[in-house]
């Protein structure tokens, strides 16, 4: 594909992105779509003779699906089923839009079937004892340690995502009523979630003791910074700014498994379910569009099953 044809493809993608912006899709979703379509464009450019949109046939897209299935990165790993499904789903959305906007007469992606995602259970769910050790791991006598303890408390108390925690603004906190507002969560949906008393207590201490010191590192430039959790330089956290402290504190707590913000999200939901929380209440707090997504946790919590087994199995009855 020569530069002229590639630029033509890029222009069509840019118009699709503009359409998503007009419909007020979230920035994260738009960036994700742009990235996935860039992968498709690179494939068409490097591994096919396609030079025009009308030359993209169902056979070309099925070959692309096979390419995704067999792809291996520099680390030798292939793409997960979820990633393959996401990239193909974006392709289908893209071509549906082109047909609706009369750019194409027919949709070559209509026959694409997404790979079936397995009902894999979350692997890293911390016990209450592990959670207690993780919470105690940061040195709360230092500004960064107090920040880390507070971040872990908030993640465990609310189940919010990595990006949602990093985007928290001061005006999103209502510590008097114990509420936290998530602005433009996944799929650009806002929600309000309960914030426990322990998390509120640590937030008050962090905002009073640690955050002003972190802001001081930024000087006058940081005076108007509204973001709750800051880096050592007084700036907004990047993704690794949350992942690295969690990994460090998990190791200090003697937890050998990988601990991420999503680990705490899974742990939050599982512990609520164990405490007899209604599945639809958990759905609302997690911000899941469908209760089917939340129901995975009903397959994780097996306390009741163990109690029944102990009570009813002939080898267990005493």
C-alpha atoms as a PDB file:
ATOM      1  CA  UNK A   1       0.000   0.000   0.000  1.00  0.00           C
ATOM      2  CA  UNK A   2       1.503   3.315  -1.041  1.00  0.00           C
ATOM      3  CA  UNK A   3       1.399   6.470   1.076  1.00  0.00           C
ATOM      4  CA  UNK A   4      -1.558   7.918  -0.830  1.00  0.00           C
ATOM      5  CA  UNK A   5      -3.773   4.908  -0.184  1.00  0.00           C
ATOM      6  CA  UNK A   6      -2.703   4.671   3.443  1.00  0.00           C
ATOM      7  CA  UNK A   7      -3.553   8.333   3.965  1.00  0.00           C
ATOM      8  CA  UNK A   8      -6.984   7.641   2.482  1.00  0.00           C
ATOM      9  CA  UNK A   9      -7.566   4.888   5.052  1.00  0.00           C
ATOM     10  CA  UNK A  10      -6.314   7.145   7.851  1.00  0.00           C
ATOM     11  CA  UNK A  11      -8.755   9.861   6.756  1.00  0.00           C
ATOM     12  CA  UNK A  12     -11.711   7.456   6.950  1.00  0.00           C
ATOM     13  CA  UNK A  13     -10.605   6.323  10.417  1.00  0.00           C
ATOM     14  CA  UNK A  14     -10.241   9.968  11.488  1.00  0.00           C
ATOM     15  CA  UNK A  15     -13.817  10.655  10.366  1.00  0.00           C
ATOM     16  CA  UNK A  16     -15.039   7.638  12.351  1.00  0.00           C
ATOM     17  CA  UNK A  17     -13.194   8.957  15.405  1.00  0.00           C
ATOM     18  CA  UNK A  18     -14.810  12.349  14.872  1.00  0.00           C
ATOM     19  CA  UNK A  19     -18.206  10.635  14.750  1.00  0.00           C
ATOM     20  CA  UNK A  20     -17.498   8.983  18.137  1.00  0.00           C
ATOM     21  CA  UNK A  21     -16.477  12.333  19.579  1.00  0.00           C
ATOM     22  CA  UNK A  22     -19.741  13.921  18.389  1.00  0.00           C
ATOM     23  CA  UNK A  23     -21.619  11.118  20.151  1.00  0.00           C
ATOM     24  CA  UNK A  24     -19.677  11.939  23.353  1.00  0.00           C
ATOM     25  CA  UNK A  25     -17.920   8.587  23.653  1.00  0.00           C
ATOM     26  CA  UNK A  26     -15.345   8.516  26.442  1.00  0.00           C
ATOM     27  CA  UNK A  27     -11.739   9.464  25.664  1.00  0.00           C
ATOM     28  CA  UNK A  28     -10.529   6.027  26.751  1.00  0.00           C
ATOM     29  CA  UNK A  29     -12.965   4.257  24.405  1.00  0.00           C
ATOM     30  CA  UNK A  30     -12.037   6.491  21.482  1.00  0.00           C
ATOM     31  CA  UNK A  31      -8.315   5.944  22.085  1.00  0.00           C
ATOM     32  CA  UNK A  32      -8.929   2.201  22.266  1.00  0.00           C
ATOM     33  CA  UNK A  33     -10.869   2.182  18.978  1.00  0.00           C
ATOM     34  CA  UNK A  34      -8.219   4.286  17.271  1.00  0.00           C
ATOM     35  CA  UNK A  35      -5.506   1.887  18.450  1.00  0.00           C
ATOM     36  CA  UNK A  36      -7.384  -1.251  17.326  1.00  0.00           C
ATOM     37  CA  UNK A  37      -8.104   0.240  13.898  1.00  0.00           C
ATOM     38  CA  UNK A  38      -4.423   1.158  13.621  1.00  0.00           C
ATOM     39  CA  UNK A  39      -3.592  -2.533  14.046  1.00  0.00           C
ATOM     40  CA  UNK A  40      -6.011  -3.416  11.232  1.00  0.00           C
ATOM     41  CA  UNK A  41      -4.508  -0.733   8.993  1.00  0.00           C
ATOM     42  CA  UNK A  42      -0.971  -1.998   9.635  1.00  0.00           C
ATOM     43  CA  UNK A  43      -2.089  -5.521   8.738  1.00  0.00           C
ATOM     44  CA  UNK A  44      -3.710  -4.352   5.497  1.00  0.00           C
ATOM     45  CA  UNK A  45      -0.629  -2.304   4.665  1.00  0.00           C
ATOM     46  CA  UNK A  46       1.976  -4.965   5.376  1.00  0.00           C
ATOM     47  CA  UNK A  47       0.309  -8.283   4.613  1.00  0.00           C
ATOM     48  CA  UNK A  48      -2.296  -7.715   1.891  1.00  0.00           C
ATOM     49  CA  UNK A  49      -2.623  -6.112  -1.535  1.00  0.00           C
ATOM     50  CA  UNK A  50      -5.645  -4.084  -0.445  1.00  0.00           C
ATOM     51  CA  UNK A  51      -5.436  -0.462  -1.578  1.00  0.00           C
ATOM     52  CA  UNK A  52      -9.050   0.621  -1.286  1.00  0.00           C
ATOM     53  CA  UNK A  53     -11.924   0.149   1.158  1.00  0.00           C
ATOM     54  CA  UNK A  54     -13.998  -1.603  -1.499  1.00  0.00           C
ATOM     55  CA  UNK A  55     -11.258  -4.230  -1.824  1.00  0.00           C
ATOM     56  CA  UNK A  56     -11.783  -5.357   1.793  1.00  0.00           C
ATOM     57  CA  UNK A  57     -13.798  -8.553   1.472  1.00  0.00           C
ATOM     58  CA  UNK A  58     -15.067 -11.029   4.067  1.00  0.00           C
ATOM     59  CA  UNK A  59     -12.108 -13.227   3.123  1.00  0.00           C
ATOM     60  CA  UNK A  60      -9.658 -10.430   3.961  1.00  0.00           C
ATOM     61  CA  UNK A  61     -11.229  -9.926   7.380  1.00  0.00           C
ATOM     62  CA  UNK A  62     -11.342 -13.660   8.110  1.00  0.00           C
ATOM     63  CA  UNK A  63      -7.640 -13.768   7.271  1.00  0.00           C
ATOM     64  CA  UNK A  64      -7.130 -10.880   9.698  1.00  0.00           C
ATOM     65  CA  UNK A  65      -8.955 -12.842  12.392  1.00  0.00           C
ATOM     66  CA  UNK A  66      -6.638 -15.799  11.743  1.00  0.00           C
ATOM     67  CA  UNK A  67      -3.680 -13.422  11.951  1.00  0.00           C
ATOM     68  CA  UNK A  68      -4.821 -12.209  15.370  1.00  0.00           C
ATOM     69  CA  UNK A  69      -5.254 -15.785  16.557  1.00  0.00           C
ATOM     70  CA  UNK A  70      -1.711 -16.748  15.545  1.00  0.00           C
ATOM     71  CA  UNK A  71       0.024 -13.501  16.496  1.00  0.00           C
ATOM     72  CA  UNK A  72       2.865 -13.649  19.027  1.00  0.00           C
ATOM     73  CA  UNK A  73       4.620 -10.636  20.494  1.00  0.00           C
ATOM     74  CA  UNK A  74       8.265 -10.116  21.360  1.00  0.00           C
ATOM     75  CA  UNK A  75       7.667 -11.879  24.662  1.00  0.00           C
ATOM     76  CA  UNK A  76       6.514 -14.976  22.809  1.00  0.00           C
ATOM     77  CA  UNK A  77       2.953 -14.669  24.038  1.00  0.00           C
ATOM     78  CA  UNK A  78      -0.135 -14.591  21.882  1.00  0.00           C
ATOM     79  CA  UNK A  79      -3.127 -12.288  22.180  1.00  0.00           C
ATOM     80  CA  UNK A  80      -5.713 -13.136  24.803  1.00  0.00           C
ATOM     81  CA  UNK A  81      -9.213 -14.098  23.695  1.00  0.00           C
ATOM     82  CA  UNK A  82     -10.443 -10.824  25.180  1.00  0.00           C
ATOM     83  CA  UNK A  83      -7.997  -8.767  23.077  1.00  0.00           C
ATOM     84  CA  UNK A  84      -8.845 -10.673  19.903  1.00  0.00           C
ATOM     85  CA  UNK A  85     -12.558 -10.180  20.547  1.00  0.00           C
ATOM     86  CA  UNK A  86     -12.066  -6.466  21.265  1.00  0.00           C
ATOM     87  CA  UNK A  87     -10.158  -5.876  18.024  1.00  0.00           C
ATOM     88  CA  UNK A  88     -12.729  -7.730  15.947  1.00  0.00           C
ATOM     89  CA  UNK A  89     -15.611  -5.967  17.676  1.00  0.00           C
ATOM     90  CA  UNK A  90     -14.077  -2.609  16.755  1.00  0.00           C
ATOM     91  CA  UNK A  91     -13.724  -3.773  13.140  1.00  0.00           C
ATOM     92  CA  UNK A  92     -17.425  -4.666  13.046  1.00  0.00           C
ATOM     93  CA  UNK A  93     -18.416  -1.290  14.542  1.00  0.00           C
ATOM     94  CA  UNK A  94     -16.201   0.514  12.035  1.00  0.00           C
ATOM     95  CA  UNK A  95     -17.685  -1.181   8.964  1.00  0.00           C
ATOM     96  CA  UNK A  96     -21.259  -0.869  10.243  1.00  0.00           C
ATOM     97  CA  UNK A  97     -20.631   2.882  10.494  1.00  0.00           C
ATOM     98  CA  UNK A  98     -19.216   3.007   6.956  1.00  0.00           C
ATOM     99  CA  UNK A  99     -22.368   1.341   5.603  1.00  0.00           C
ATOM    100  CA  UNK A 100     -24.681   3.623   7.597  1.00  0.00           C
ATOM    101  CA  UNK A 101     -22.822   6.692   6.353  1.00  0.00           C
ATOM    102  CA  UNK A 102     -22.982   5.437   2.722  1.00  0.00           C
ATOM    103  CA  UNK A 103     -19.215   5.086   2.361  1.00  0.00           C
ATOM    104  CA  UNK A 104     -19.680   1.381   1.567  1.00  0.00           C
ATOM    105  CA  UNK A 105     -22.608  -0.442   0.001  1.00  0.00           C
ATOM    106  CA  UNK A 106     -22.230  -3.601   2.069  1.00  0.00           C
ATOM    107  CA  UNK A 107     -20.598  -4.683   5.312  1.00  0.00           C
ATOM    108  CA  UNK A 108     -17.731  -7.170   4.773  1.00  0.00           C
ATOM    109  CA  UNK A 109     -17.507  -7.744   8.536  1.00  0.00           C
ATOM    110  CA  UNK A 110     -21.089  -8.977   8.952  1.00  0.00           C
ATOM    111  CA  UNK A 111     -19.983 -12.611   8.914  1.00  0.00           C
ATOM    112  CA  UNK A 112     -17.262 -12.208  11.525  1.00  0.00           C
ATOM    113  CA  UNK A 113     -17.873 -14.268  14.652  1.00  0.00           C
ATOM    114  CA  UNK A 114     -16.123 -13.141  17.810  1.00  0.00           C
ATOM    115  CA  UNK A 115     -14.115 -15.796  19.629  1.00  0.00           C
ATOM    116  CA  UNK A 116     -15.977 -17.118  22.618  1.00  0.00           C
ATOM    117  CA  UNK A 117     -14.546 -15.827  25.858  1.00  0.00           C
ATOM    118  CA  UNK A 118     -14.072 -18.472  28.478  1.00  0.00           C
ATOM    119  CA  UNK A 119     -15.703 -17.984  31.839  1.00  0.00           C
ATOM    120  CA  UNK A 120     -12.356 -17.660  33.592  1.00  0.00           C
ATOM    121  CA  UNK A 121     -12.556 -16.906  37.285  1.00  0.00           C
ATOM    122  CA  UNK A 122     -10.473 -14.082  38.747  1.00  0.00           C
ATOM    123  CA  UNK A 123      -7.253 -15.682  39.945  1.00  0.00           C
ATOM    124  CA  UNK A 124      -5.916 -13.139  42.381  1.00  0.00           C
ATOM    125  CA  UNK A 125      -8.416 -12.655  45.173  1.00  0.00           C
ATOM    126  CA  UNK A 126      -6.905 -11.807  48.533  1.00  0.00           C
ATOM    127  CA  UNK A 127      -8.111 -13.314  51.766  1.00  0.00           C
ATOM    128  CA  UNK A 128      -9.111 -11.017  54.608  1.00  0.00           C
ATOM    129  CA  UNK A 129      -5.816 -11.820  56.334  1.00  0.00           C
ATOM    130  CA  UNK A 130      -3.799 -10.972  53.204  1.00  0.00           C
ATOM    131  CA  UNK A 131      -5.791  -7.779  52.785  1.00  0.00           C
ATOM    132  CA  UNK A 132      -5.014  -6.762  56.364  1.00  0.00           C
ATOM    133  CA  UNK A 133      -1.275  -7.361  55.782  1.00  0.00           C
ATOM    134  CA  UNK A 134      -1.346  -5.368  52.548  1.00  0.00           C
ATOM    135  CA  UNK A 135      -3.060  -2.428  54.242  1.00  0.00           C
ATOM    136  CA  UNK A 136      -0.433  -2.418  56.997  1.00  0.00           C
ATOM    137  CA  UNK A 137       2.547  -2.646  54.624  1.00  0.00           C
ATOM    138  CA  UNK A 138       3.029   1.063  53.687  1.00  0.00           C
ATOM    139  CA  UNK A 139       4.950   3.252  56.138  1.00  0.00           C
ATOM    140  CA  UNK A 140       2.231   5.790  56.917  1.00  0.00           C
ATOM    141  CA  UNK A 141       4.706   8.063  58.725  1.00  0.00           C
ATOM    142  CA  UNK A 142       6.009   9.240  55.325  1.00  0.00           C
ATOM    143  CA  UNK A 143       4.066  11.271  52.760  1.00  0.00           C
ATOM    144  CA  UNK A 144       4.292   8.608  50.058  1.00  0.00           C
ATOM    145  CA  UNK A 145       3.553   5.819  52.517  1.00  0.00           C
ATOM    146  CA  UNK A 146       0.463   7.653  53.778  1.00  0.00           C
ATOM    147  CA  UNK A 147      -0.619   8.215  50.193  1.00  0.00           C
ATOM    148  CA  UNK A 148      -0.154   4.512  49.360  1.00  0.00           C
ATOM    149  CA  UNK A 149      -2.072   3.364  52.441  1.00  0.00           C
ATOM    150  CA  UNK A 150      -4.914   5.718  51.549  1.00  0.00           C
ATOM    151  CA  UNK A 151      -5.007   4.551  47.915  1.00  0.00           C
ATOM    152  CA  UNK A 152      -5.230   0.912  49.018  1.00  0.00           C
ATOM    153  CA  UNK A 153      -7.951   1.777  51.524  1.00  0.00           C
ATOM    154  CA  UNK A 154      -9.983   3.556  48.818  1.00  0.00           C
ATOM    155  CA  UNK A 155      -9.527   0.760  46.265  1.00  0.00           C
ATOM    156  CA  UNK A 156     -10.604  -1.888  48.764  1.00  0.00           C
ATOM    157  CA  UNK A 157     -13.488   0.209  50.102  1.00  0.00           C
ATOM    158  CA  UNK A 158     -14.983   1.115  46.717  1.00  0.00           C
ATOM    159  CA  UNK A 159     -13.779  -1.373  44.096  1.00  0.00           C
ATOM    160  CA  UNK A 160     -13.036   1.429  41.628  1.00  0.00           C
ATOM    161  CA  UNK A 161     -10.640   0.906  38.729  1.00  0.00           C
ATOM    162  CA  UNK A 162      -7.030   2.070  38.328  1.00  0.00           C
ATOM    163  CA  UNK A 163      -7.937   4.906  35.932  1.00  0.00           C
ATOM    164  CA  UNK A 164     -10.919   5.914  38.076  1.00  0.00           C
ATOM    165  CA  UNK A 165      -8.760   6.280  41.195  1.00  0.00           C
ATOM    166  CA  UNK A 166      -6.092   8.273  39.352  1.00  0.00           C
ATOM    167  CA  UNK A 167      -8.749  10.603  37.917  1.00  0.00           C
ATOM    168  CA  UNK A 168     -10.363  11.386  41.276  1.00  0.00           C
ATOM    169  CA  UNK A 169     -10.755  15.098  41.933  1.00  0.00           C
ATOM    170  CA  UNK A 170     -11.131  16.794  45.317  1.00  0.00           C
ATOM    171  CA  UNK A 171     -14.737  17.725  44.548  1.00  0.00           C
ATOM    172  CA  UNK A 172     -15.533  14.020  43.928  1.00  0.00           C
ATOM    173  CA  UNK A 173     -15.135  13.301  47.654  1.00  0.00           C
ATOM    174  CA  UNK A 174     -17.961  13.739  50.153  1.00  0.00           C
ATOM    175  CA  UNK A 175     -16.279  12.571  53.339  1.00  0.00           C
ATOM    176  CA  UNK A 176     -19.065  13.820  55.620  1.00  0.00           C
ATOM    177  CA  UNK A 177     -21.598  11.548  53.939  1.00  0.00           C
ATOM    178  CA  UNK A 178     -19.095   8.813  53.048  1.00  0.00           C
ATOM    179  CA  UNK A 179     -19.550   8.996  49.273  1.00  0.00           C
ATOM    180  CA  UNK A 180     -17.238   9.047  46.285  1.00  0.00           C
ATOM    181  CA  UNK A 181     -18.204  10.138  42.778  1.00  0.00           C
ATOM    182  CA  UNK A 182     -16.662   8.439  39.740  1.00  0.00           C
ATOM    183  CA  UNK A 183     -16.777  10.783  36.750  1.00  0.00           C
ATOM    184  CA  UNK A 184     -16.721   9.200  33.306  1.00  0.00           C
ATOM    185  CA  UNK A 185     -15.939   5.680  34.396  1.00  0.00           C
ATOM    186  CA  UNK A 186     -15.887   2.881  31.833  1.00  0.00           C
ATOM    187  CA  UNK A 187     -18.117   3.682  28.842  1.00  0.00           C
ATOM    188  CA  UNK A 188     -18.264   7.313  30.069  1.00  0.00           C
ATOM    189  CA  UNK A 189     -20.729   6.456  32.852  1.00  0.00           C
ATOM    190  CA  UNK A 190     -20.793   8.380  36.116  1.00  0.00           C
ATOM    191  CA  UNK A 191     -21.692   6.707  39.393  1.00  0.00           C
ATOM    192  CA  UNK A 192     -21.618   7.365  43.122  1.00  0.00           C
ATOM    193  CA  UNK A 193     -20.277   4.665  45.439  1.00  0.00           C
ATOM    194  CA  UNK A 194     -20.151   4.355  49.235  1.00  0.00           C
ATOM    195  CA  UNK A 195     -16.863   5.177  50.947  1.00  0.00           C
ATOM    196  CA  UNK A 196     -16.305   3.340  54.221  1.00  0.00           C
ATOM    197  CA  UNK A 197     -15.431   5.017  57.507  1.00  0.00           C
ATOM    198  CA  UNK A 198     -11.869   3.661  57.519  1.00  0.00           C
ATOM    199  CA  UNK A 199     -11.232   4.989  54.008  1.00  0.00           C
ATOM    200  CA  UNK A 200     -12.705   8.384  54.975  1.00  0.00           C
ATOM    201  CA  UNK A 201     -10.435   8.557  58.019  1.00  0.00           C
ATOM    202  CA  UNK A 202      -7.325   7.812  55.968  1.00  0.00           C
ATOM    203  CA  UNK A 203      -8.383  10.274  53.260  1.00  0.00           C
ATOM    204  CA  UNK A 204      -8.749  13.059  55.814  1.00  0.00           C
ATOM    205  CA  UNK A 205      -5.267  12.371  57.153  1.00  0.00           C
ATOM    206  CA  UNK A 206      -3.751  12.134  53.672  1.00  0.00           C
ATOM    207  CA  UNK A 207      -5.404  15.364  52.496  1.00  0.00           C
ATOM    208  CA  UNK A 208      -4.251  17.186  55.645  1.00  0.00           C
ATOM    209  CA  UNK A 209      -0.768  15.768  56.154  1.00  0.00           C
ATOM    210  CA  UNK A 210       0.643  14.247  52.959  1.00  0.00           C
ATOM    211  CA  UNK A 211      -0.975  15.904  49.955  1.00  0.00           C
ATOM    212  CA  UNK A 212       0.174  19.461  50.826  1.00  0.00           C
ATOM    213  CA  UNK A 213       3.770  18.194  51.064  1.00  0.00           C
ATOM    214  CA  UNK A 214       3.508  16.467  47.681  1.00  0.00           C
ATOM    215  CA  UNK A 215       2.034  19.644  46.170  1.00  0.00           C
ATOM    216  CA  UNK A 216       4.891  21.661  47.655  1.00  0.00           C
ATOM    217  CA  UNK A 217       7.319  19.701  45.471  1.00  0.00           C
ATOM    218  CA  UNK A 218       5.601  21.204  42.433  1.00  0.00           C
ATOM    219  CA  UNK A 219       5.815  24.788  43.645  1.00  0.00           C
ATOM    220  CA  UNK A 220       3.379  27.498  42.651  1.00  0.00           C
ATOM    221  CA  UNK A 221       2.398  25.514  39.554  1.00  0.00           C
ATOM    222  CA  UNK A 222       0.555  22.965  41.697  1.00  0.00           C
ATOM    223  CA  UNK A 223      -1.560  25.420  43.681  1.00  0.00           C
ATOM    224  CA  UNK A 224      -4.666  24.758  41.586  1.00  0.00           C
ATOM    225  CA  UNK A 225      -4.122  21.004  41.111  1.00  0.00           C
ATOM    226  CA  UNK A 226      -7.495  19.307  41.842  1.00  0.00           C
ATOM    227  CA  UNK A 227      -6.379  15.658  41.527  1.00  0.00           C
ATOM    228  CA  UNK A 228      -6.587  13.745  44.821  1.00  0.00           C
ATOM    229  CA  UNK A 229      -3.634  11.372  44.534  1.00  0.00           C
ATOM    230  CA  UNK A 230      -0.306  12.830  43.447  1.00  0.00           C
ATOM    231  CA  UNK A 231       3.156  11.610  42.564  1.00  0.00           C
ATOM    232  CA  UNK A 232       6.252  12.538  44.565  1.00  0.00           C
ATOM    233  CA  UNK A 233       6.597  15.487  42.162  1.00  0.00           C
ATOM    234  CA  UNK A 234       3.100  16.735  42.896  1.00  0.00           C
ATOM    235  CA  UNK A 235       1.684  15.645  39.532  1.00  0.00           C
ATOM    236  CA  UNK A 236      -1.136  13.334  38.497  1.00  0.00           C
ATOM    237  CA  UNK A 237      -0.288   9.665  38.733  1.00  0.00           C
ATOM    238  CA  UNK A 238       0.446   7.640  35.602  1.00  0.00           C
ATOM    239  CA  UNK A 239      -0.734   3.975  35.535  1.00  0.00           C
ATOM    240  CA  UNK A 240       2.610   2.691  36.836  1.00  0.00           C
ATOM    241  CA  UNK A 241       2.389   5.220  39.658  1.00  0.00           C
ATOM    242  CA  UNK A 242      -0.284   2.996  41.149  1.00  0.00           C
ATOM    243  CA  UNK A 243       0.891  -0.414  39.924  1.00  0.00           C
ATOM    244  CA  UNK A 244       4.438  -0.151  41.256  1.00  0.00           C
ATOM    245  CA  UNK A 245       3.534   0.778  44.881  1.00  0.00           C
ATOM    246  CA  UNK A 246       0.970  -2.034  45.001  1.00  0.00           C
ATOM    247  CA  UNK A 247       3.556  -4.552  43.800  1.00  0.00           C
ATOM    248  CA  UNK A 248       6.111  -3.285  46.332  1.00  0.00           C
ATOM    249  CA  UNK A 249       3.716  -3.391  49.278  1.00  0.00           C
ATOM    250  CA  UNK A 250       2.361  -6.807  48.296  1.00  0.00           C
ATOM    251  CA  UNK A 251       5.903  -8.200  48.377  1.00  0.00           C
ATOM    252  CA  UNK A 252       6.488  -6.564  51.759  1.00  0.00           C
ATOM    253  CA  UNK A 253       3.262  -8.167  52.997  1.00  0.00           C
ATOM    254  CA  UNK A 254       4.479 -11.604  51.943  1.00  0.00           C
ATOM    255  CA  UNK A 255       1.930 -11.976  49.142  1.00  0.00           C
ATOM    256  CA  UNK A 256       3.620 -13.916  46.367  1.00  0.00           C
ATOM    257  CA  UNK A 257       0.909 -13.418  43.755  1.00  0.00           C
ATOM    258  CA  UNK A 258       0.732 -10.341  41.548  1.00  0.00           C
ATOM    259  CA  UNK A 259      -1.441  -7.649  43.118  1.00  0.00           C
ATOM    260  CA  UNK A 260      -2.959  -4.950  40.894  1.00  0.00           C
ATOM    261  CA  UNK A 261      -5.831  -2.473  41.326  1.00  0.00           C
ATOM    262  CA  UNK A 262      -8.041  -5.039  39.604  1.00  0.00           C
ATOM    263  CA  UNK A 263      -7.005  -7.596  42.242  1.00  0.00           C
ATOM    264  CA  UNK A 264      -8.447  -5.277  44.870  1.00  0.00           C
ATOM    265  CA  UNK A 265     -11.553  -4.759  42.716  1.00  0.00           C
ATOM    266  CA  UNK A 266     -12.093  -8.531  42.582  1.00  0.00           C
ATOM    267  CA  UNK A 267     -11.366  -8.812  46.304  1.00  0.00           C
ATOM    268  CA  UNK A 268     -13.829  -6.015  47.110  1.00  0.00           C
ATOM    269  CA  UNK A 269     -16.642  -7.735  45.196  1.00  0.00           C
ATOM    270  CA  UNK A 270     -15.902 -11.196  46.566  1.00  0.00           C
ATOM    271  CA  UNK A 271     -15.768 -10.020  50.181  1.00  0.00           C
ATOM    272  CA  UNK A 272     -19.051  -8.123  49.749  1.00  0.00           C
ATOM    273  CA  UNK A 273     -20.676 -11.231  48.340  1.00  0.00           C
ATOM    274  CA  UNK A 274     -19.357 -13.291  51.250  1.00  0.00           C
ATOM    275  CA  UNK A 275     -20.985 -10.740  53.555  1.00  0.00           C
ATOM    276  CA  UNK A 276     -24.369 -11.410  51.868  1.00  0.00           C
ATOM    277  CA  UNK A 277     -24.487  -8.266  49.721  1.00  0.00           C
ATOM    278  CA  UNK A 278     -27.083  -8.390  46.928  1.00  0.00           C
ATOM    279  CA  UNK A 279     -25.534  -9.043  43.518  1.00  0.00           C
ATOM    280  CA  UNK A 280     -27.312  -6.015  41.995  1.00  0.00           C
ATOM    281  CA  UNK A 281     -25.928  -3.722  44.674  1.00  0.00           C
ATOM    282  CA  UNK A 282     -22.431  -5.006  43.856  1.00  0.00           C
ATOM    283  CA  UNK A 283     -23.183  -4.440  40.159  1.00  0.00           C
ATOM    284  CA  UNK A 284     -24.067  -0.791  40.837  1.00  0.00           C
ATOM    285  CA  UNK A 285     -20.922  -0.196  42.908  1.00  0.00           C
ATOM    286  CA  UNK A 286     -18.650  -1.788  40.304  1.00  0.00           C
ATOM    287  CA  UNK A 287     -20.330   0.115  37.474  1.00  0.00           C
ATOM    288  CA  UNK A 288     -21.112  -3.006  35.432  1.00  0.00           C
ATOM    289  CA  UNK A 289     -23.585  -2.427  32.613  1.00  0.00           C
ATOM    290  CA  UNK A 290     -24.921  -5.971  32.951  1.00  0.00           C
ATOM    291  CA  UNK A 291     -25.435  -8.102  36.030  1.00  0.00           C
ATOM    292  CA  UNK A 292     -24.051 -11.013  34.003  1.00  0.00           C
ATOM    293  CA  UNK A 293     -20.593  -9.458  34.326  1.00  0.00           C
ATOM    294  CA  UNK A 294     -20.968  -9.266  38.091  1.00  0.00           C
ATOM    295  CA  UNK A 295     -22.264 -12.816  38.449  1.00  0.00           C
ATOM    296  CA  UNK A 296     -18.773 -14.207  37.921  1.00  0.00           C
ATOM    297  CA  UNK A 297     -18.211 -13.517  41.611  1.00  0.00           C
ATOM    298  CA  UNK A 298     -20.984 -15.895  42.563  1.00  0.00           C
ATOM    299  CA  UNK A 299     -18.737 -18.653  41.211  1.00  0.00           C
ATOM    300  CA  UNK A 300     -15.769 -17.468  43.247  1.00  0.00           C
ATOM    301  CA  UNK A 301     -17.225 -17.342  46.756  1.00  0.00           C
ATOM    302  CA  UNK A 302     -17.528 -20.976  47.870  1.00  0.00           C
ATOM    303  CA  UNK A 303     -17.939 -20.502  51.623  1.00  0.00           C
ATOM    304  CA  UNK A 304     -21.574 -21.640  51.530  1.00  0.00           C
ATOM    305  CA  UNK A 305     -20.711 -24.657  49.401  1.00  0.00           C
ATOM    306  CA  UNK A 306     -18.016 -25.702  51.846  1.00  0.00           C
ATOM    307  CA  UNK A 307     -20.442 -25.374  54.760  1.00  0.00           C
ATOM    308  CA  UNK A 308     -23.030 -27.511  52.959  1.00  0.00           C
ATOM    309  CA  UNK A 309     -20.374 -30.071  52.067  1.00  0.00           C
ATOM    310  CA  UNK A 310     -19.196 -30.229  55.662  1.00  0.00           C
ATOM    311  CA  UNK A 311     -22.745 -30.579  56.967  1.00  0.00           C
ATOM    312  CA  UNK A 312     -24.063 -33.091  54.449  1.00  0.00           C
ATOM    313  CA  UNK A 313     -21.263 -35.298  53.153  1.00  0.00           C
ATOM    314  CA  UNK A 314     -21.128 -38.667  54.953  1.00  0.00           C
ATOM    315  CA  UNK A 315     -17.363 -38.487  55.372  1.00  0.00           C
ATOM    316  CA  UNK A 316     -17.605 -35.036  56.950  1.00  0.00           C
ATOM    317  CA  UNK A 317     -20.488 -35.491  59.411  1.00  0.00           C
ATOM    318  CA  UNK A 318     -19.401 -35.950  63.011  1.00  0.00           C
END
